[in-house]
C-alpha atoms as a PDB file:
ATOM      1  CA  MET A   1       0.000   0.000   0.000  1.00  0.00           C
ATOM      2  CA  ARG A   2       2.857   2.385   0.836  1.00  0.00           C
ATOM      3  CA  TYR A   3       4.382   1.913  -2.617  1.00  0.00           C
ATOM      4  CA  PHE A   4       0.997   2.350  -4.258  1.00  0.00           C
ATOM      5  CA  LEU A   5       0.455   5.659  -2.484  1.00  0.00           C
ATOM      6  CA  LEU A   6       3.957   6.789  -3.436  1.00  0.00           C
ATOM      7  CA  ILE A   7       3.281   6.078  -7.100  1.00  0.00           C
ATOM      8  CA  ILE A   8      -0.007   7.990  -6.929  1.00  0.00           C
ATOM      9  CA  ALA A   9       1.755  10.957  -5.293  1.00  0.00           C
ATOM     10  CA  VAL A  10       4.466  11.026  -7.964  1.00  0.00           C
ATOM     11  CA  LEU A  11       1.868  10.939 -10.731  1.00  0.00           C
ATOM     12  CA  PHE A  12      -0.101  13.753  -9.057  1.00  0.00           C
ATOM     13  CA  ILE A  13       2.982  15.965  -8.719  1.00  0.00           C
ATOM     14  CA  GLY A  14       3.901  15.265 -12.326  1.00  0.00           C
ATOM     15  CA  CYS A  15       0.497  16.405 -13.501  1.00  0.00           C
ATOM     16  CA  GLU A  16       0.663  19.534 -11.385  1.00  0.00           C
ATOM     17  CA  SER A  17       4.100  20.523 -12.713  1.00  0.00           C
ATOM     18  CA  ASN A  18       3.136  20.147 -16.369  1.00  0.00           C
ATOM     19  CA  PRO A  19       2.229  23.658 -17.629  1.00  0.00           C
ATOM     20  CA  LYS A  20       0.041  22.189 -20.350  1.00  0.00           C
ATOM     21  CA  LYS A  21      -2.276  20.971 -17.574  1.00  0.00           C
ATOM     22  CA  GLU A  22      -2.894  24.509 -16.287  1.00  0.00           C
ATOM     23  CA  SER A  23      -6.499  24.621 -17.393  1.00  0.00           C
ATOM     24  CA  ASN A  24      -6.916  28.362 -16.788  1.00  0.00           C
ATOM     25  CA  TRP A  25      -4.135  29.285 -19.214  1.00  0.00           C
ATOM     26  CA  ILE A  26      -4.549  29.569 -22.966  1.00  0.00           C
ATOM     27  CA  PHE A  27      -1.244  28.795 -24.665  1.00  0.00           C
ATOM     28  CA  LEU A  28      -0.965  31.195 -27.594  1.00  0.00           C
ATOM     29  CA  PHE A  29       2.134  29.445 -28.953  1.00  0.00           C
ATOM     30  CA  ASP A  30       2.505  25.662 -29.106  1.00  0.00           C
ATOM     31  CA  GLY A  31       6.307  25.844 -29.222  1.00  0.00           C
ATOM     32  CA  LYS A  32       6.484  24.154 -32.613  1.00  0.00           C
ATOM     33  CA  THR A  33       4.392  25.961 -35.214  1.00  0.00           C
ATOM     34  CA  THR A  34       3.012  29.390 -36.044  1.00  0.00           C
ATOM     35  CA  ASN A  35      -0.526  28.041 -35.725  1.00  0.00           C
ATOM     36  CA  GLY A  36      -2.844  30.814 -34.516  1.00  0.00           C
ATOM     37  CA  TRP A  37      -0.659  33.648 -35.772  1.00  0.00           C
ATOM     38  CA  ARG A  38      -0.777  35.808 -38.893  1.00  0.00           C
ATOM     39  CA  GLY A  39       0.219  39.247 -40.020  1.00  0.00           C
ATOM     40  CA  TYR A  40      -1.650  42.388 -39.018  1.00  0.00           C
ATOM     41  CA  ASN A  41      -4.129  43.185 -41.818  1.00  0.00           C
ATOM     42  CA  SER A  42      -3.005  39.992 -43.545  1.00  0.00           C
ATOM     43  CA  ASN A  43      -3.984  36.359 -43.930  1.00  0.00           C
ATOM     44  CA  GLU A  44      -0.358  35.233 -44.111  1.00  0.00           C
ATOM     45  CA  ILE A  45       2.608  35.027 -41.767  1.00  0.00           C
ATOM     46  CA  PRO A  46       4.893  37.983 -42.607  1.00  0.00           C
ATOM     47  CA  PRO A  47       8.331  37.037 -43.986  1.00  0.00           C
ATOM     48  CA  GLY A  48      10.864  36.463 -41.246  1.00  0.00           C
ATOM     49  CA  TRP A  49       8.515  35.033 -38.586  1.00  0.00           C
ATOM     50  CA  ILE A  50       9.144  31.349 -37.821  1.00  0.00           C
ATOM     51  CA  ALA A  51       8.716  28.793 -35.037  1.00  0.00           C
ATOM     52  CA  LYS A  52      12.020  27.214 -34.059  1.00  0.00           C
ATOM     53  CA  GLU A  53      13.423  25.415 -31.011  1.00  0.00           C
ATOM     54  CA  GLY A  54      10.491  26.382 -28.789  1.00  0.00           C
ATOM     55  CA  MET A  55      10.584  30.018 -29.850  1.00  0.00           C
ATOM     56  CA  LEU A  56       8.381  32.263 -31.962  1.00  0.00           C
ATOM     57  CA  MET A  57      11.063  34.241 -33.768  1.00  0.00           C
ATOM     58  CA  PHE A  58      11.473  37.130 -36.159  1.00  0.00           C
ATOM     59  CA  GLU A  59      14.764  36.799 -38.025  1.00  0.00           C
ATOM     60  CA  ARG A  60      16.572  39.685 -39.715  1.00  0.00           C
ATOM     61  CA  LYS A  61      20.052  39.683 -41.200  1.00  0.00           C
ATOM     62  CA  ASP A  62      20.660  43.321 -40.377  1.00  0.00           C
ATOM     63  CA  LEU A  63      19.376  45.714 -37.734  1.00  0.00           C
ATOM     64  CA  GLN A  64      17.207  48.382 -39.332  1.00  0.00           C
ATOM     65  CA  LEU A  65      18.101  51.837 -38.072  1.00  0.00           C
ATOM     66  CA  GLU A  66      15.389  53.943 -36.450  1.00  0.00           C
ATOM     67  CA  GLN A  67      15.548  56.592 -39.156  1.00  0.00           C
ATOM     68  CA  ASP A  68      14.978  53.889 -41.801  1.00  0.00           C
ATOM     69  CA  TYR A  69      12.222  52.068 -39.949  1.00  0.00           C
ATOM     70  CA  GLU A  70       9.352  50.954 -42.183  1.00  0.00           C
ATOM     71  CA  GLY A  71       7.554  48.282 -40.162  1.00  0.00           C
ATOM     72  CA  GLY A  72       4.701  46.353 -41.716  1.00  0.00           C
ATOM     73  CA  ARG A  73       5.491  42.897 -40.338  1.00  0.00           C
ATOM     74  CA  ASP A  74       3.571  43.011 -37.076  1.00  0.00           C
ATOM     75  CA  LEU A  75       2.133  39.697 -35.904  1.00  0.00           C
ATOM     76  CA  ILE A  76      -1.222  38.990 -34.233  1.00  0.00           C
ATOM     77  CA  TYR A  77      -2.729  36.005 -32.457  1.00  0.00           C
ATOM     78  CA  TYR A  78      -5.939  35.810 -34.449  1.00  0.00           C
ATOM     79  CA  LYS A  79      -7.863  32.939 -32.855  1.00  0.00           C
ATOM     80  CA  GLU A  80      -9.536  35.021 -30.173  1.00  0.00           C
ATOM     81  CA  GLN A  81      -9.977  38.570 -28.904  1.00  0.00           C
ATOM     82  CA  PHE A  82      -9.511  39.319 -25.212  1.00  0.00           C
ATOM     83  CA  ASP A  83     -10.817  42.028 -22.885  1.00  0.00           C
ATOM     84  CA  GLU A  84      -9.690  41.452 -19.274  1.00  0.00           C
ATOM     85  CA  PHE A  85      -6.703  39.140 -19.007  1.00  0.00           C
ATOM     86  CA  GLU A  86      -3.316  38.235 -17.587  1.00  0.00           C
ATOM     87  CA  LEU A  87      -0.643  37.726 -20.259  1.00  0.00           C
ATOM     88  CA  TYR A  88       2.706  36.090 -19.540  1.00  0.00           C
ATOM     89  CA  LEU A  89       5.607  35.588 -21.930  1.00  0.00           C
ATOM     90  CA  GLU A  90       9.389  35.536 -22.141  1.00  0.00           C
ATOM     91  CA  TRP A  91      11.358  37.521 -24.696  1.00  0.00           C
ATOM     92  CA  LYS A  92      14.780  38.711 -25.771  1.00  0.00           C
ATOM     93  CA  ILE A  93      16.074  41.212 -28.296  1.00  0.00           C
ATOM     94  CA  PRO A  94      19.511  41.893 -29.821  1.00  0.00           C
ATOM     95  CA  PRO A  95      21.694  44.925 -28.989  1.00  0.00           C
ATOM     96  CA  GLY A  96      19.838  47.959 -30.300  1.00  0.00           C
ATOM     97  CA  GLY A  97      16.631  45.935 -30.616  1.00  0.00           C
ATOM     98  CA  ASN A  98      13.097  47.286 -30.359  1.00  0.00           C
ATOM     99  CA  SER A  99       9.643  45.748 -30.243  1.00  0.00           C
ATOM    100  CA  GLY A 100       6.416  45.906 -28.297  1.00  0.00           C
ATOM    101  CA  ILE A 101       3.408  43.948 -27.127  1.00  0.00           C
ATOM    102  CA  PHE A 102       0.081  45.400 -28.241  1.00  0.00           C
ATOM    103  CA  TYR A 103      -3.272  44.426 -26.757  1.00  0.00           C
ATOM    104  CA  HIS A 104      -6.903  45.275 -27.570  1.00  0.00           C
ATOM    105  CA  VAL A 105      -5.730  45.307 -31.193  1.00  0.00           C
ATOM    106  CA  GLN A 106      -8.215  45.935 -33.964  1.00  0.00           C
ATOM    107  CA  GLU A 107      -7.293  45.755 -37.628  1.00  0.00           C
ATOM    108  CA  GLY A 108      -7.857  48.282 -40.377  1.00  0.00           C
ATOM    109  CA  TYR A 109      -5.181  50.792 -39.311  1.00  0.00           C
ATOM    110  CA  ASN A 110      -1.695  51.327 -40.732  1.00  0.00           C
ATOM    111  CA  PHE A 111      -0.207  49.599 -37.698  1.00  0.00           C
ATOM    112  CA  PRO A 112      -1.528  48.324 -34.343  1.00  0.00           C
ATOM    113  CA  GLY A 113      -0.200  51.247 -32.303  1.00  0.00           C
ATOM    114  CA  GLU A 114      -2.581  53.711 -33.946  1.00  0.00           C
ATOM    115  CA  ALA A 115      -5.334  52.399 -31.684  1.00  0.00           C
ATOM    116  CA  SER A 116      -3.793  49.911 -29.258  1.00  0.00           C
ATOM    117  CA  PRO A 117      -1.801  50.277 -26.017  1.00  0.00           C
ATOM    118  CA  GLU A 118       1.771  48.970 -26.089  1.00  0.00           C
ATOM    119  CA  TYR A 119       3.991  47.377 -23.466  1.00  0.00           C
ATOM    120  CA  GLN A 120       7.356  48.635 -24.698  1.00  0.00           C
ATOM    121  CA  LEU A 121      10.284  46.269 -25.337  1.00  0.00           C
ATOM    122  CA  ILE A 122      13.606  47.916 -26.171  1.00  0.00           C
ATOM    123  CA  ASP A 123      17.327  47.827 -25.423  1.00  0.00           C
ATOM    124  CA  ASP A 124      17.347  50.637 -22.855  1.00  0.00           C
ATOM    125  CA  VAL A 125      21.150  50.692 -22.646  1.00  0.00           C
ATOM    126  CA  ASN A 126      22.304  50.573 -26.246  1.00  0.00           C
ATOM    127  CA  TYR A 127      19.423  51.876 -28.339  1.00  0.00           C
ATOM    128  CA  THR A 128      20.587  55.482 -28.711  1.00  0.00           C
ATOM    129  CA  LYS A 129      24.189  54.355 -29.210  1.00  0.00           C
ATOM    130  CA  ILE A 130      23.026  52.755 -32.451  1.00  0.00           C
ATOM    131  CA  HIS A 131      19.898  54.698 -33.464  1.00  0.00           C
ATOM    132  CA  ASP A 132      19.310  58.423 -33.843  1.00  0.00           C
ATOM    133  CA  VAL A 133      16.064  59.379 -32.085  1.00  0.00           C
ATOM    134  CA  THR A 134      16.752  63.116 -31.953  1.00  0.00           C
ATOM    135  CA  GLU A 135      14.378  64.363 -34.630  1.00  0.00           C
ATOM    136  CA  TYR A 136      11.586  62.070 -33.477  1.00  0.00           C
ATOM    137  CA  ASN A 137      11.844  63.253 -29.882  1.00  0.00           C
ATOM    138  CA  LYS A 138      12.145  66.905 -30.910  1.00  0.00           C
ATOM    139  CA  SER A 139       8.663  66.627 -32.379  1.00  0.00           C
ATOM    140  CA  PHE A 140       7.369  66.095 -28.826  1.00  0.00           C
ATOM    141  CA  GLY A 141       9.363  68.966 -27.343  1.00  0.00           C
ATOM    142  CA  GLU A 142      11.759  66.806 -25.314  1.00  0.00           C
ATOM    143  CA  SER A 143      14.562  68.835 -23.696  1.00  0.00           C
ATOM    144  CA  GLU A 144      17.149  66.109 -24.330  1.00  0.00           C
ATOM    145  CA  PRO A 145      15.857  64.593 -27.557  1.00  0.00           C
ATOM    146  CA  GLU A 146      18.981  62.550 -28.230  1.00  0.00           C
ATOM    147  CA  LYS A 147      18.200  60.357 -25.212  1.00  0.00           C
ATOM    148  CA  LEU A 148      15.707  57.554 -24.816  1.00  0.00           C
ATOM    149  CA  GLN A 149      12.809  59.017 -22.841  1.00  0.00           C
ATOM    150  CA  ASP A 150      11.203  57.290 -19.855  1.00  0.00           C
ATOM    151  CA  TRP A 151       8.003  56.777 -21.860  1.00  0.00           C
ATOM    152  CA  GLN A 152      10.048  54.938 -24.501  1.00  0.00           C
ATOM    153  CA  LYS A 153      11.833  52.498 -22.173  1.00  0.00           C
ATOM    154  CA  THR A 154      11.122  48.835 -21.546  1.00  0.00           C
ATOM    155  CA  GLY A 155       7.990  48.197 -19.511  1.00  0.00           C
ATOM    156  CA  ALA A 156       6.428  51.601 -20.138  1.00  0.00           C
ATOM    157  CA  ASN A 157       2.888  51.900 -21.400  1.00  0.00           C
ATOM    158  CA  TYR A 158       4.314  53.543 -24.503  1.00  0.00           C
ATOM    159  CA  ALA A 159       3.890  57.335 -24.581  1.00  0.00           C
ATOM    160  CA  MET A 160       1.501  57.114 -21.631  1.00  0.00           C
ATOM    161  CA  HIS A 161       2.691  55.660 -18.316  1.00  0.00           C
ATOM    162  CA  THR A 162       6.283  55.325 -17.140  1.00  0.00           C
ATOM    163  CA  VAL A 163       7.874  53.140 -14.473  1.00  0.00           C
ATOM    164  CA  SER A 164       6.655  54.251 -11.042  1.00  0.00           C
ATOM    165  CA  GLU A 165       8.977  56.353  -8.918  1.00  0.00           C
ATOM    166  CA  GLY A 166      11.083  54.280  -6.544  1.00  0.00           C
ATOM    167  CA  VAL A 167      10.726  51.027  -8.475  1.00  0.00           C
ATOM    168  CA  GLU A 168      14.033  49.259  -9.152  1.00  0.00           C
ATOM    169  CA  LYS A 169      13.553  47.846 -12.612  1.00  0.00           C
ATOM    170  CA  VAL A 170      15.332  44.604 -13.388  1.00  0.00           C
ATOM    171  CA  LEU A 171      16.111  44.415 -17.115  1.00  0.00           C
ATOM    172  CA  PHE A 172      18.502  41.742 -18.288  1.00  0.00           C
ATOM    173  CA  PRO A 173      20.934  42.756 -21.066  1.00  0.00           C
ATOM    174  CA  ALA A 174      20.192  42.438 -24.762  1.00  0.00           C
ATOM    175  CA  GLY A 175      20.540  38.828 -25.812  1.00  0.00           C
ATOM    176  CA  GLU A 176      19.261  37.480 -22.470  1.00  0.00           C
ATOM    177  CA  TRP A 177      15.750  36.321 -21.618  1.00  0.00           C
ATOM    178  CA  ASN A 178      13.323  38.589 -19.768  1.00  0.00           C
ATOM    179  CA  SER A 179       9.798  37.827 -18.561  1.00  0.00           C
ATOM    180  CA  THR A 180       6.773  40.082 -18.891  1.00  0.00           C
ATOM    181  CA  ARG A 181       3.327  40.057 -17.326  1.00  0.00           C
ATOM    182  CA  ILE A 182       0.475  42.342 -18.312  1.00  0.00           C
ATOM    183  CA  ILE A 183      -2.613  42.270 -16.128  1.00  0.00           C
ATOM    184  CA  PHE A 184      -5.523  44.191 -17.598  1.00  0.00           C
ATOM    185  CA  THR A 185      -8.874  44.799 -15.960  1.00  0.00           C
ATOM    186  CA  ASN A 186     -11.294  47.641 -16.506  1.00  0.00           C
ATOM    187  CA  GLU A 187     -10.409  48.915 -13.014  1.00  0.00           C
ATOM    188  CA  ASN A 188      -6.622  48.527 -13.034  1.00  0.00           C
ATOM    189  CA  VAL A 189      -3.709  47.681 -15.326  1.00  0.00           C
ATOM    190  CA  GLU A 190      -0.306  46.385 -14.224  1.00  0.00           C
ATOM    191  CA  HIS A 191       2.966  46.023 -16.138  1.00  0.00           C
ATOM    192  CA  TRP A 192       5.483  43.561 -14.689  1.00  0.00           C
ATOM    193  CA  LEU A 193       9.073  42.800 -15.710  1.00  0.00           C
ATOM    194  CA  ASN A 194      11.137  39.914 -14.321  1.00  0.00           C
ATOM    195  CA  GLY A 195       8.897  39.572 -11.278  1.00  0.00           C
ATOM    196  CA  VAL A 196       8.811  43.295 -10.448  1.00  0.00           C
ATOM    197  CA  LYS A 197       5.670  45.407 -10.817  1.00  0.00           C
ATOM    198  CA  LEU A 198       6.779  48.459 -12.778  1.00  0.00           C
ATOM    199  CA  LEU A 199       3.599  50.500 -12.931  1.00  0.00           C
ATOM    200  CA  SER A 200      -0.151  50.479 -12.627  1.00  0.00           C
ATOM    201  CA  PHE A 201      -2.900  52.742 -13.896  1.00  0.00           C
ATOM    202  CA  VAL A 202      -6.649  52.996 -14.230  1.00  0.00           C
ATOM    203  CA  PRO A 203      -7.700  52.818 -17.891  1.00  0.00           C
ATOM    204  CA  TRP A 204     -10.012  55.505 -19.263  1.00  0.00           C
ATOM    205  CA  SER A 205      -9.745  57.497 -16.019  1.00  0.00           C
ATOM    206  CA  GLU A 206      -9.236  61.271 -15.766  1.00  0.00           C
ATOM    207  CA  GLU A 207      -5.486  60.722 -15.453  1.00  0.00           C
ATOM    208  CA  TRP A 208      -5.562  58.413 -18.478  1.00  0.00           C
ATOM    209  CA  ASP A 209      -7.509  61.006 -20.483  1.00  0.00           C
ATOM    210  CA  LYS A 210      -4.982  63.708 -19.554  1.00  0.00           C
ATOM    211  CA  LEU A 211      -2.080  61.620 -20.834  1.00  0.00           C
ATOM    212  CA  ARG A 212      -4.074  60.562 -23.882  1.00  0.00           C
ATOM    213  CA  ASN A 213      -4.665  64.211 -24.783  1.00  0.00           C
ATOM    214  CA  SER A 214      -1.131  65.438 -24.045  1.00  0.00           C
ATOM    215  CA  GLY A 215      -0.114  65.563 -27.713  1.00  0.00           C
ATOM    216  CA  LYS A 216       1.482  62.233 -28.635  1.00  0.00           C
ATOM    217  CA  TRP A 217      -1.792  60.777 -29.868  1.00  0.00           C
ATOM    218  CA  ASN A 218      -3.188  63.858 -31.637  1.00  0.00           C
ATOM    219  CA  ASP A 219      -2.865  62.134 -35.006  1.00  0.00           C
ATOM    220  CA  TYR A 220      -4.468  58.920 -33.742  1.00  0.00           C
ATOM    221  CA  PRO A 221      -8.018  59.698 -32.578  1.00  0.00           C
ATOM    222  CA  ASP A 222      -8.864  56.018 -31.984  1.00  0.00           C
ATOM    223  CA  TYR A 223      -5.960  55.356 -29.618  1.00  0.00           C
ATOM    224  CA  GLY A 224      -7.095  53.358 -26.591  1.00  0.00           C
ATOM    225  CA  LYS A 225     -10.779  53.342 -27.414  1.00  0.00           C
ATOM    226  CA  TYR A 226     -11.191  49.579 -27.804  1.00  0.00           C
ATOM    227  CA  LYS A 227     -11.947  47.431 -24.761  1.00  0.00           C
ATOM    228  CA  THR A 228     -11.285  44.114 -26.449  1.00  0.00           C
ATOM    229  CA  GLY A 229      -9.023  42.889 -29.210  1.00  0.00           C
ATOM    230  CA  TYR A 230      -6.105  40.738 -30.351  1.00  0.00           C
ATOM    231  CA  ILE A 231      -2.614  40.318 -28.894  1.00  0.00           C
ATOM    232  CA  SER A 232       0.124  41.528 -31.245  1.00  0.00           C
ATOM    233  CA  PHE A 233       3.936  41.620 -31.449  1.00  0.00           C
ATOM    234  CA  GLN A 234       5.597  44.570 -33.148  1.00  0.00           C
ATOM    235  CA  ASP A 235       8.194  44.418 -35.896  1.00  0.00           C
ATOM    236  CA  HIS A 236      10.424  47.423 -35.313  1.00  0.00           C
ATOM    237  CA  GLY A 237      13.391  46.465 -37.463  1.00  0.00           C
ATOM    238  CA  SER A 238      15.252  43.949 -35.284  1.00  0.00           C
ATOM    239  CA  SER A 239      15.338  40.219 -34.708  1.00  0.00           C
ATOM    240  CA  LEU A 240      13.010  39.045 -31.915  1.00  0.00           C
ATOM    241  CA  TRP A 241      12.552  35.944 -29.805  1.00  0.00           C
ATOM    242  CA  PHE A 242       9.459  34.987 -27.795  1.00  0.00           C
ATOM    243  CA  ARG A 243       8.584  31.833 -25.847  1.00  0.00           C
ATOM    244  CA  ASN A 244       6.174  30.500 -23.186  1.00  0.00           C
ATOM    245  CA  ILE A 245       3.382  32.749 -24.417  1.00  0.00           C
ATOM    246  CA  LYS A 246       0.210  32.188 -22.423  1.00  0.00           C
ATOM    247  CA  LEU A 247      -2.875  34.118 -21.393  1.00  0.00           C
ATOM    248  CA  LYS A 248      -5.433  33.711 -18.633  1.00  0.00           C
ATOM    249  CA  LYS A 249      -8.870  35.308 -18.982  1.00  0.00           C
ATOM    250  CA  ILE A 250     -10.044  37.231 -15.931  1.00  0.00           C
ATOM    251  CA  VAL A 251     -13.592  36.112 -15.258  1.00  0.00           C
ATOM    252  CA  TYR A 252     -15.717  37.381 -12.376  1.00  0.00           C
END
């Protein structure tokens, strides 16, 4: 009987430790194929995106400089739209890399960011050593336009909310894996990086409206208006690597 109970216990622990048995999670990437993914405004996978060695990857031979950025190869998970959710994934970028995670994405725009919030992914340390952001930042009246602004750094709600004062952000260097969590409810949003909560905000609040109307989104009247939509990864001219992509719906 003792050995029987031991076997049962081992089997139980094995089931519990298998992430595929986490019934509340929806795995957006199966680790082997691009099933469930396609290009933004497209029925096809954009060139460069592949599934390889447990990673959803975007491969480029050369890093595209900021001033030459064209975009157009953003990827969306098209099987389902989500409203309130917890998203978890792991990612890495090369030196000088740039990307982003969009949510509440709706198609029909030139790119997802015209209407959708973005959790920023970027090489905070090396980006401006490789790319010239001066003219872009001058257009927003930044006093030191040659520098990467707080609203442009990893973990920011791009051009809206920055890392909270006093938070010690842990960002592993370009080429190393980082983990991200986005928790979105209609009452509160949280951005996490490597186990540290970077920021939180109340969507569509007075504070949110003030930031929304501060100038950055003047040319994008639909920014932030959707309360449901797709998950999307941004092509911003660099190679990208994602893995362990999963989402949990928040149901009351």
